[in-house]
Amino acid sequence: MSFFNRMFGGGMDDVNYKELVQNGAVLIDVRTPGEFAQGHVDNAINIPLQVIGQEVAKIKAFNKPVIVYCLSGARAGSAKSFLEGQGIETYNGGGIQAMASSLA
């Protein structure tokens, strides 16, 4: 994986996202509501990075691993770091195109 992909869109985790989702992981799109409305991965919920701190209890209540993604992977990386700090099992799915491809 190239440096650019590792940093911004290829995802940071070497995992099988499709299997995680099949086993109940929750997909969280951390883009803005406007970006989410323009298109998102099936079954994803929108919790923008700007408000993720306010939604920790909701995310913990899922009691499941979460996969975060955004446009390029950068916001997903920030979300992953924050959520892991809150004790939530979190995976960086990278950018939306990478996430969609890994679930196909």
Protein backbone atom coordinates (compact mmCIF):
# COMPACT_ATOMS: atom_id res chain seq x y z
CA MET A 1 0.00 0.00 0.00
CA SER A 2 1.37 3.40 -0.90
CA PHE A 3 2.15 6.11 1.63
CA PHE A 4 -0.76 8.20 0.32
CA ASN A 5 -3.23 5.34 0.71
CA ARG A 6 -2.01 4.54 4.21
CA MET A 7 -2.41 8.17 5.21
CA PHE A 8 -5.58 9.20 3.41
CA GLY A 9 -7.75 6.58 1.89
CA GLY A 10 -6.69 2.99 1.84
CA GLY A 11 -7.67 2.41 5.41
CA MET A 12 -5.21 1.93 8.20
CA ASP A 13 -6.30 -1.52 9.28
CA ASP A 14 -5.42 -4.80 7.59
CA VAL A 15 -8.77 -6.46 8.23
CA ASN A 16 -11.61 -8.07 6.33
CA TYR A 17 -14.28 -5.34 6.53
CA LYS A 18 -16.88 -7.43 4.76
CA GLU A 19 -16.54 -10.14 7.40
CA LEU A 20 -16.67 -7.57 10.21
CA VAL A 21 -19.93 -6.17 8.82
CA GLN A 22 -21.38 -9.64 8.32
CA ASN A 23 -20.59 -10.29 11.99
CA GLY A 24 -22.46 -7.17 13.10
CA ALA A 25 -19.96 -4.30 13.01
CA VAL A 26 -21.57 -0.87 12.67
CA LEU A 27 -20.57 1.37 9.75
CA ILE A 28 -20.22 5.02 10.71
CA ASP A 29 -19.75 7.69 8.06
CA VAL A 30 -18.00 10.61 9.77
CA ARG A 31 -18.52 13.07 6.90
CA THR A 32 -20.87 16.03 7.10
CA PRO A 33 -24.62 15.48 6.65
CA GLY A 34 -24.38 17.15 3.24
CA GLU A 35 -21.67 14.76 2.09
CA PHE A 36 -23.62 11.81 3.49
CA ALA A 37 -26.75 12.91 1.61
CA GLN A 38 -24.79 12.88 -1.66
CA GLY A 39 -24.12 9.17 -1.23
CA HIS A 40 -22.93 6.70 1.37
CA VAL A 41 -22.21 3.03 1.93
CA ASP A 42 -25.34 0.92 2.40
CA ASN A 43 -26.41 0.56 6.03
CA ALA A 44 -24.00 3.25 7.26
CA ILE A 45 -25.12 5.77 9.82
CA ASN A 46 -23.96 9.37 9.75
CA ILE A 47 -22.20 10.69 12.83
CA PRO A 48 -20.05 13.61 11.68
CA LEU A 49 -16.58 13.89 13.17
CA GLN A 50 -17.50 17.32 14.58
CA VAL A 51 -20.13 15.77 16.88
CA ILE A 52 -18.73 12.31 17.52
CA GLY A 53 -17.74 13.29 21.06
CA GLN A 54 -21.39 13.95 21.83
CA GLU A 55 -22.41 10.52 20.52
CA VAL A 56 -20.06 8.27 22.51
CA ALA A 57 -22.86 6.85 24.69
CA LYS A 58 -24.91 6.03 21.57
CA ILE A 59 -21.93 4.33 19.92
CA LYS A 60 -21.06 2.38 23.07
CA ALA A 61 -24.70 1.25 23.28
CA PHE A 62 -24.29 -0.60 19.97
CA ASN A 63 -22.00 -2.94 21.92
CA LYS A 64 -20.37 -3.88 18.61
CA PRO A 65 -17.17 -2.99 16.79
CA VAL A 66 -17.46 0.07 14.58
CA ILE A 67 -15.90 0.87 11.23
CA VAL A 68 -15.47 4.55 10.48
CA TYR A 69 -14.95 6.04 7.03
CA CYS A 70 -15.02 9.46 5.39
CA LEU A 71 -14.01 10.93 2.03
CA SER A 72 -10.27 10.34 2.13
CA GLY A 73 -9.60 8.46 5.38
CA ALA A 74 -8.16 11.39 7.34
CA ARG A 75 -11.30 12.15 9.38
CA ALA A 76 -11.83 8.43 9.86
CA GLY A 77 -8.33 8.23 11.35
CA SER A 78 -9.17 11.00 13.81
CA ALA A 79 -12.46 9.32 14.68
CA LYS A 80 -10.76 5.97 15.22
CA SER A 81 -8.18 7.47 17.58
CA PHE A 82 -10.87 9.25 19.57
CA LEU A 83 -13.23 6.27 19.79
CA GLU A 84 -10.47 3.86 20.76
CA GLY A 85 -9.60 6.28 23.55
CA GLN A 86 -13.19 5.87 24.74
CA GLY A 87 -12.78 2.08 24.84
CA ILE A 88 -14.67 1.36 21.61
CA GLU A 89 -13.31 -1.28 19.21
CA THR A 90 -12.86 0.81 16.07
CA TYR A 91 -11.48 0.21 12.58
CA ASN A 92 -10.50 2.82 10.00
CA GLY A 93 -12.23 1.92 6.76
CA GLY A 94 -10.48 4.78 4.95
CA GLY A 95 -12.24 6.71 2.24
CA ILE A 96 -15.73 5.99 0.96
CA GLN A 97 -14.50 4.44 -2.29
CA ALA A 98 -12.13 2.09 -0.46
CA MET A 99 -14.86 1.20 2.02
CA ALA A 100 -17.41 0.46 -0.71
CA SER A 101 -14.88 -1.65 -2.61
CA SER A 102 -13.96 -3.69 0.45
CA LEU A 103 -17.62 -4.49 1.07
CA ALA A 104 -18.45 -5.48 -2.51
